[in-house]
Amino acid sequence: MKRLGPLAVVVATLGACGGAPAVPKVATDEAAESVQSQGLEIAELAETQLVWGFGTPHVLKCTGKGGEDTDRIYSYLAAFELYPPPDRSLPFGMDLHEQWKSAGWRIAAYKEIPDGLVLLTTNPSNDLQVRLDVFGDGRILLNISTPCYEQPDGPAPFGAQYYSGAQEGEPVPSPAPAES
């Protein structure tokens, strides 16, 4: 009987378990919708409008956790701005940090800086990554990105901007209520 070396055991185990998880197949329109919905939820908590930020959203090239690197693997990134009353911005950011921490969000970084804060986190229910920057003048910059997804129907439209009902600097519209 031939003995397997440690590398052969690792390779055989990964092969049997399927290796790294497959990149989920999600169309760019669905990714855009999930990012926009997350932004609208945060704006609602801040009791203000969500406004498209400068130069986004974009479909970006991405390498999957298993090293997948094709013209179908992408990440969707959007930047937004929030303008709550200036005296409410910093307490909002602090409250959001506590709320997300207790809800099980994965907090990668939280730093209070003079007249502001930076919060980097991942939503455990959808793996969206959120960066919140609060400035002393009351502005809140919000960056939201998806994990790597695979475009199910052909190459991903890298560099494409996917706005949904608004353009840069305009308020993001809330989705229409579902018909019953």
C-alpha atoms as a PDB file:
ATOM      1  CA  MET A   1       0.000   0.000   0.000  1.00  0.00           C
ATOM      2  CA  LYS A   2       1.341   3.392  -1.018  1.00  0.00           C
ATOM      3  CA  ARG A   3       1.357   6.183   1.548  1.00  0.00           C
ATOM      4  CA  LEU A   4       0.230   9.644   0.489  1.00  0.00           C
ATOM      5  CA  GLY A   5       2.368  12.646   1.401  1.00  0.00           C
ATOM      6  CA  PRO A   6       0.852  15.633   3.258  1.00  0.00           C
ATOM      7  CA  LEU A   7       0.399  17.659   0.048  1.00  0.00           C
ATOM      8  CA  ALA A   8      -1.488  14.817  -1.641  1.00  0.00           C
ATOM      9  CA  VAL A   9      -3.805  14.578   1.368  1.00  0.00           C
ATOM     10  CA  VAL A  10      -4.534  18.324   1.228  1.00  0.00           C
ATOM     11  CA  VAL A  11      -5.191  18.215  -2.525  1.00  0.00           C
ATOM     12  CA  ALA A  12      -7.408  15.137  -2.176  1.00  0.00           C
ATOM     13  CA  THR A  13      -9.340  16.732   0.695  1.00  0.00           C
ATOM     14  CA  LEU A  14      -9.892  19.981  -1.199  1.00  0.00           C
ATOM     15  CA  GLY A  15     -10.997  18.060  -4.254  1.00  0.00           C
ATOM     16  CA  ALA A  16     -13.442  15.984  -2.239  1.00  0.00           C
ATOM     17  CA  CYS A  17     -14.883  19.025  -0.472  1.00  0.00           C
ATOM     18  CA  GLY A  18     -15.063  21.088  -3.632  1.00  0.00           C
ATOM     19  CA  GLY A  19     -12.220  23.451  -2.622  1.00  0.00           C
ATOM     20  CA  ALA A  20     -13.062  27.096  -2.110  1.00  0.00           C
ATOM     21  CA  PRO A  21     -16.721  28.028  -2.334  1.00  0.00           C
ATOM     22  CA  ALA A  22     -17.938  28.817  -5.823  1.00  0.00           C
ATOM     23  CA  VAL A  23     -18.480  32.451  -6.712  1.00  0.00           C
ATOM     24  CA  PRO A  24     -22.257  33.061  -6.567  1.00  0.00           C
ATOM     25  CA  LYS A  25     -23.929  33.771  -9.901  1.00  0.00           C
ATOM     26  CA  VAL A  26     -25.636  37.150  -9.585  1.00  0.00           C
ATOM     27  CA  ALA A  27     -26.526  39.495 -12.446  1.00  0.00           C
ATOM     28  CA  THR A  28     -25.133  43.025 -12.217  1.00  0.00           C
ATOM     29  CA  ASP A  29     -28.664  44.457 -12.050  1.00  0.00           C
ATOM     30  CA  GLU A  30     -29.370  42.360  -8.939  1.00  0.00           C
ATOM     31  CA  ALA A  31     -26.045  43.420  -7.373  1.00  0.00           C
ATOM     32  CA  ALA A  32     -26.844  47.072  -8.084  1.00  0.00           C
ATOM     33  CA  GLU A  33     -30.275  46.671  -6.514  1.00  0.00           C
ATOM     34  CA  SER A  34     -28.891  45.085  -3.323  1.00  0.00           C
ATOM     35  CA  VAL A  35     -26.286  47.846  -2.905  1.00  0.00           C
ATOM     36  CA  GLN A  36     -28.859  50.561  -3.505  1.00  0.00           C
ATOM     37  CA  SER A  37     -31.298  48.929  -1.051  1.00  0.00           C
ATOM     38  CA  GLN A  38     -28.578  48.795   1.617  1.00  0.00           C
ATOM     39  CA  GLY A  39     -27.863  52.493   1.036  1.00  0.00           C
ATOM     40  CA  LEU A  40     -31.537  53.396   1.282  1.00  0.00           C
ATOM     41  CA  GLU A  41     -31.837  51.468   4.586  1.00  0.00           C
ATOM     42  CA  ILE A  42     -28.918  53.449   6.025  1.00  0.00           C
ATOM     43  CA  ALA A  43     -30.351  56.763   4.759  1.00  0.00           C
ATOM     44  CA  GLU A  44     -33.690  55.910   6.377  1.00  0.00           C
ATOM     45  CA  LEU A  45     -31.933  55.296   9.694  1.00  0.00           C
ATOM     46  CA  ALA A  46     -30.190  58.680   9.285  1.00  0.00           C
ATOM     47  CA  GLU A  47     -33.548  60.271   8.438  1.00  0.00           C
ATOM     48  CA  THR A  48     -32.153  61.859   5.276  1.00  0.00           C
ATOM     49  CA  GLN A  49     -31.985  61.334   1.513  1.00  0.00           C
ATOM     50  CA  LEU A  50     -29.444  59.089  -0.132  1.00  0.00           C
ATOM     51  CA  VAL A  51     -27.532  60.932  -2.883  1.00  0.00           C
ATOM     52  CA  TRP A  52     -25.312  59.315  -5.528  1.00  0.00           C
ATOM     53  CA  GLY A  53     -21.655  60.112  -4.870  1.00  0.00           C
ATOM     54  CA  PHE A  54     -19.016  61.234  -7.321  1.00  0.00           C
ATOM     55  CA  GLY A  55     -17.880  58.841 -10.042  1.00  0.00           C
ATOM     56  CA  THR A  56     -19.805  55.732  -9.123  1.00  0.00           C
ATOM     57  CA  PRO A  57     -21.341  53.194  -9.299  1.00  0.00           C
ATOM     58  CA  HIS A  58     -19.020  50.859 -11.178  1.00  0.00           C
ATOM     59  CA  VAL A  59     -18.640  47.213 -12.089  1.00  0.00           C
ATOM     60  CA  LEU A  60     -15.071  46.224 -11.164  1.00  0.00           C
ATOM     61  CA  LYS A  61     -12.924  43.190 -11.937  1.00  0.00           C
ATOM     62  CA  CYS A  62     -12.644  40.830  -8.983  1.00  0.00           C
ATOM     63  CA  THR A  63     -10.766  37.639  -8.060  1.00  0.00           C
ATOM     64  CA  GLY A  64     -12.875  35.030  -6.248  1.00  0.00           C
ATOM     65  CA  LYS A  65     -11.844  33.429  -2.932  1.00  0.00           C
ATOM     66  CA  GLY A  66     -10.706  30.330  -4.827  1.00  0.00           C
ATOM     67  CA  GLY A  67      -8.590  32.415  -7.221  1.00  0.00           C
ATOM     68  CA  GLU A  68     -11.275  32.562  -9.922  1.00  0.00           C
ATOM     69  CA  ASP A  69     -10.290  35.232 -12.413  1.00  0.00           C
ATOM     70  CA  THR A  70     -12.371  35.452 -15.557  1.00  0.00           C
ATOM     71  CA  ASP A  71     -14.180  38.135 -17.505  1.00  0.00           C
ATOM     72  CA  ARG A  72     -17.352  37.069 -15.672  1.00  0.00           C
ATOM     73  CA  ILE A  73     -16.162  37.673 -12.090  1.00  0.00           C
ATOM     74  CA  TYR A  74     -16.973  41.176 -10.819  1.00  0.00           C
ATOM     75  CA  SER A  75     -17.743  43.321  -7.806  1.00  0.00           C
ATOM     76  CA  TYR A  76     -20.204  46.225  -7.763  1.00  0.00           C
ATOM     77  CA  LEU A  77     -19.245  49.424  -5.924  1.00  0.00           C
ATOM     78  CA  ALA A  78     -21.316  52.523  -5.275  1.00  0.00           C
ATOM     79  CA  ALA A  79     -20.578  55.702  -3.349  1.00  0.00           C
ATOM     80  CA  PHE A  80     -23.328  57.726  -1.748  1.00  0.00           C
ATOM     81  CA  GLU A  81     -23.608  60.877   0.331  1.00  0.00           C
ATOM     82  CA  LEU A  82     -25.916  61.571   3.258  1.00  0.00           C
ATOM     83  CA  TYR A  83     -26.669  65.027   4.644  1.00  0.00           C
ATOM     84  CA  PRO A  84     -28.365  64.746   8.024  1.00  0.00           C
ATOM     85  CA  PRO A  85     -28.331  67.824  10.273  1.00  0.00           C
ATOM     86  CA  PRO A  86     -24.656  68.432  11.173  1.00  0.00           C
ATOM     87  CA  ASP A  87     -25.235  67.961  14.908  1.00  0.00           C
ATOM     88  CA  ARG A  88     -26.801  64.544  14.216  1.00  0.00           C
ATOM     89  CA  SER A  89     -24.090  63.028  11.968  1.00  0.00           C
ATOM     90  CA  LEU A  90     -21.525  61.946  14.555  1.00  0.00           C
ATOM     91  CA  PRO A  91     -24.086  60.520  17.031  1.00  0.00           C
ATOM     92  CA  PHE A  92     -25.690  58.680  14.093  1.00  0.00           C
ATOM     93  CA  GLY A  93     -22.360  57.073  13.129  1.00  0.00           C
ATOM     94  CA  MET A  94     -21.680  56.054  16.742  1.00  0.00           C
ATOM     95  CA  ASP A  95     -25.194  54.634  17.165  1.00  0.00           C
ATOM     96  CA  LEU A  96     -24.948  52.755  13.864  1.00  0.00           C
ATOM     97  CA  HIS A  97     -21.662  51.177  14.970  1.00  0.00           C
ATOM     98  CA  GLU A  98     -23.248  49.921  18.198  1.00  0.00           C
ATOM     99  CA  GLN A  99     -26.400  48.748  16.413  1.00  0.00           C
ATOM    100  CA  TRP A 100     -24.470  46.812  13.766  1.00  0.00           C
ATOM    101  CA  LYS A 101     -22.059  45.337  16.321  1.00  0.00           C
ATOM    102  CA  SER A 102     -24.938  43.976  18.399  1.00  0.00           C
ATOM    103  CA  ALA A 103     -26.681  42.691  15.226  1.00  0.00           C
ATOM    104  CA  GLY A 104     -23.631  40.575  14.344  1.00  0.00           C
ATOM    105  CA  TRP A 105     -22.132  42.679  11.572  1.00  0.00           C
ATOM    106  CA  ARG A 106     -18.421  41.947  11.100  1.00  0.00           C
ATOM    107  CA  ILE A 107     -16.663  45.168  12.155  1.00  0.00           C
ATOM    108  CA  ALA A 108     -13.281  45.430  10.415  1.00  0.00           C
ATOM    109  CA  ALA A 109     -12.435  48.904  11.741  1.00  0.00           C
ATOM    110  CA  TYR A 110     -13.961  51.626  13.856  1.00  0.00           C
ATOM    111  CA  LYS A 111     -12.011  54.789  14.529  1.00  0.00           C
ATOM    112  CA  GLU A 112     -13.185  58.023  16.049  1.00  0.00           C
ATOM    113  CA  ILE A 113     -11.208  60.942  14.675  1.00  0.00           C
ATOM    114  CA  PRO A 114     -11.443  64.651  15.533  1.00  0.00           C
ATOM    115  CA  ASP A 115     -14.953  65.722  14.495  1.00  0.00           C
ATOM    116  CA  GLY A 116     -15.763  62.427  12.793  1.00  0.00           C
ATOM    117  CA  LEU A 117     -15.369  58.698  12.491  1.00  0.00           C
ATOM    118  CA  VAL A 118     -14.637  55.876  10.075  1.00  0.00           C
ATOM    119  CA  LEU A 119     -16.498  52.560  10.183  1.00  0.00           C
ATOM    120  CA  LEU A 120     -15.682  49.533   7.997  1.00  0.00           C
ATOM    121  CA  THR A 121     -18.013  46.585   8.280  1.00  0.00           C
ATOM    122  CA  THR A 122     -19.641  43.663   6.468  1.00  0.00           C
ATOM    123  CA  ASN A 123     -23.336  42.833   6.607  1.00  0.00           C
ATOM    124  CA  PRO A 124     -23.570  39.135   7.574  1.00  0.00           C
ATOM    125  CA  SER A 125     -26.881  38.618   5.770  1.00  0.00           C
ATOM    126  CA  ASN A 126     -25.615  39.575   2.282  1.00  0.00           C
ATOM    127  CA  ASP A 127     -21.810  40.054   2.583  1.00  0.00           C
ATOM    128  CA  LEU A 128     -22.043  43.658   1.416  1.00  0.00           C
ATOM    129  CA  GLN A 129     -19.064  45.676   2.616  1.00  0.00           C
ATOM    130  CA  VAL A 130     -19.901  49.113   3.989  1.00  0.00           C
ATOM    131  CA  ARG A 131     -17.596  52.030   4.708  1.00  0.00           C
ATOM    132  CA  LEU A 132     -19.060  55.002   6.535  1.00  0.00           C
ATOM    133  CA  ASP A 133     -17.050  58.235   6.855  1.00  0.00           C
ATOM    134  CA  VAL A 134     -18.550  60.963   9.066  1.00  0.00           C
ATOM    135  CA  PHE A 135     -17.087  64.473   8.818  1.00  0.00           C
ATOM    136  CA  GLY A 136     -17.332  67.421  11.198  1.00  0.00           C
ATOM    137  CA  ASP A 137     -19.360  69.470   8.716  1.00  0.00           C
ATOM    138  CA  GLY A 138     -22.137  66.863   8.910  1.00  0.00           C
ATOM    139  CA  ARG A 139     -21.463  65.069   5.622  1.00  0.00           C
ATOM    140  CA  ILE A 140     -21.520  61.300   5.620  1.00  0.00           C
ATOM    141  CA  LEU A 141     -19.827  59.424   2.787  1.00  0.00           C
ATOM    142  CA  LEU A 142     -21.029  55.882   2.288  1.00  0.00           C
ATOM    143  CA  ASN A 143     -19.280  53.297   0.107  1.00  0.00           C
ATOM    144  CA  ILE A 144     -20.976  49.945  -0.414  1.00  0.00           C
ATOM    145  CA  SER A 145     -19.548  47.048  -2.411  1.00  0.00           C
ATOM    146  CA  THR A 146     -20.535  43.479  -3.114  1.00  0.00           C
ATOM    147  CA  PRO A 147     -18.349  40.439  -2.716  1.00  0.00           C
ATOM    148  CA  CYS A 148     -17.193  38.818  -5.963  1.00  0.00           C
ATOM    149  CA  TYR A 149     -20.062  37.592  -8.102  1.00  0.00           C
ATOM    150  CA  GLU A 150     -20.159  35.761 -11.400  1.00  0.00           C
ATOM    151  CA  GLN A 151     -22.153  37.353 -14.211  1.00  0.00           C
ATOM    152  CA  PRO A 152     -24.436  34.448 -15.263  1.00  0.00           C
ATOM    153  CA  ASP A 153     -25.003  35.445 -18.885  1.00  0.00           C
ATOM    154  CA  GLY A 154     -21.635  36.417 -20.342  1.00  0.00           C
ATOM    155  CA  PRO A 155     -18.795  38.809 -19.564  1.00  0.00           C
ATOM    156  CA  ALA A 156     -19.322  41.375 -16.831  1.00  0.00           C
ATOM    157  CA  PRO A 157     -19.642  44.976 -18.084  1.00  0.00           C
ATOM    158  CA  PHE A 158     -16.451  46.242 -16.418  1.00  0.00           C
ATOM    159  CA  GLY A 159     -16.322  49.985 -15.904  1.00  0.00           C
ATOM    160  CA  ALA A 160     -20.023  50.319 -16.645  1.00  0.00           C
ATOM    161  CA  GLN A 161     -22.026  52.670 -14.476  1.00  0.00           C
ATOM    162  CA  TYR A 162     -25.330  51.259 -13.276  1.00  0.00           C
ATOM    163  CA  TYR A 163     -27.549  54.007 -11.971  1.00  0.00           C
ATOM    164  CA  SER A 164     -31.062  53.152 -11.017  1.00  0.00           C
ATOM    165  CA  GLY A 165     -33.368  56.111 -11.605  1.00  0.00           C
ATOM    166  CA  ALA A 166     -30.939  58.901 -10.641  1.00  0.00           C
ATOM    167  CA  GLN A 167     -27.587  60.289 -11.722  1.00  0.00           C
ATOM    168  CA  GLU A 168     -24.519  61.526  -9.866  1.00  0.00           C
ATOM    169  CA  GLY A 169     -25.433  64.161  -7.283  1.00  0.00           C
ATOM    170  CA  GLU A 170     -29.154  63.345  -7.415  1.00  0.00           C
ATOM    171  CA  PRO A 171     -31.226  61.672  -4.693  1.00  0.00           C
ATOM    172  CA  VAL A 172     -31.619  57.922  -5.082  1.00  0.00           C
ATOM    173  CA  PRO A 173     -35.299  57.079  -5.535  1.00  0.00           C
ATOM    174  CA  SER A 174     -36.925  54.583  -3.211  1.00  0.00           C
ATOM    175  CA  PRO A 175     -38.248  51.493  -4.938  1.00  0.00           C
ATOM    176  CA  ALA A 176     -41.900  51.579  -5.932  1.00  0.00           C
ATOM    177  CA  PRO A 177     -44.132  49.684  -3.497  1.00  0.00           C
ATOM    178  CA  ALA A 178     -44.971  46.157  -4.612  1.00  0.00           C
ATOM    179  CA  GLU A 179     -48.402  45.779  -6.141  1.00  0.00           C
ATOM    180  CA  SER A 180     -50.737  43.467  -4.283  1.00  0.00           C
END
